[in-house]
Amino acid sequence: MKYTQLGRTGLKVSRLVLGTMNFGPQTDEAASHAIMDAAQAAGINYFDTANVYGWGDNKGRTEEIIGTWFAQGGGRRDKTVLATKVFGNMAGDGAAPWPNHDRLSAVNIRRAVDASLKRLQTDYIDIYQFHHIDRRTPFEEIWQAIDVLVQQGKILYAGSSNFPGYKIAQANEQAARHGRMGLVSEQCLYNLAERRAEMEVIPAAQDYGLGVIPWSPLHGGLLGGVLKKESEGKRRTQGRSASALESTTVREQVQRYEDLLDKHGIEPGEAALAWLLTRPGVTGPIVGPRTREQLDSALRAVELELSEEVLSGLDEIFPGPGPSPEAFAW
């Protein structure tokens, strides 16, 4: 495994981040534990989760599974850089949240972090992330709440997820005015098929020293060899991939992508991850394996070197928006 600093911090993290969203809904506890053991054995030290994972009436279940894994000992917690998130409504499926039981008020941040710590069976969280912007709560209040948690030893760093560039700037300018460290990471939707983050989010993250953690690196499976699997009857296309492939333009684009990689003997999913590892500002993509085989495929991407010919071909098939502001101004 290769490691890098998380943004401007002194924290060393693996170039792959283990996403745990499937633990509970898709992968049972025993299999989830086996994947975490395998990931840590392979050198992955950065695990990502969220308080709402488990979904529906089982929100919090994913954190519980990680907690029972930590409870087995063997240095599991000590070797893990643990990131979780706060924002979402933790009420049951379809139920309205009790007042102050979602978003980023100081009240909910304090309540939510204690609930996560209990489920995770740990006394601190390395990176506590805001899962979404909260238009109702000023950053002054948010940072005051974070200060208290840092002083209490409950969290070490704060990060964001799904923030636009201007909110990253607002958050860190407010933090700097009070001598606070501010955000150290941003999780954003970023992959070959979805490159809008290059316009504002990634430049803002780079300027403010945030590590960029792309989520959905295979774009819901669209970049994982979906057409080949479909034609071989290995997997039925569903979800985001199925919706996207209803477009003839997208289907043709994905076919060109798979043909390019087939020509070079490269697995599509591994290429999509390897491409992200070449991108400026990217710390490491989040991989969310449902099985050990999917984890093994992701691990191979760390060692994969994409040639200039392949990189140029990928840019031709999935062109980015170009630099900001030239992409939209000139």
Foldseek 3Di string as FASTA:
>chain_A
DDWDDFFPDPDIFDQEEAEALCDQVQADLVQSLVLLVVCVVLPGAEYEEEQQRNHAQGRNVSLLSLQVSVVVPPCSVVSHQAEYEFFDANHHHPDDHDPLCGGQALSNVVVVLVVSCVSNVHQAHAEYEYAEDDPVDALVRNVVSVVVCVVVRHYHAYAYEPDWQVVQVRQVVVQVVVPHLTHAAYEYADWLQDFPCQAHVQVSCNVSRGAYEYEPLCVQVLQQCVVVCVVVVNDDDDDPNVVQVVDVLSVVLSVLQVVLCVVVVHGRVLVGQLLQSPDPRHRHYHDHDNGNVSVVSNSVSVVDDDDPVSVVSSCVSRPHQDYPPVSPPD
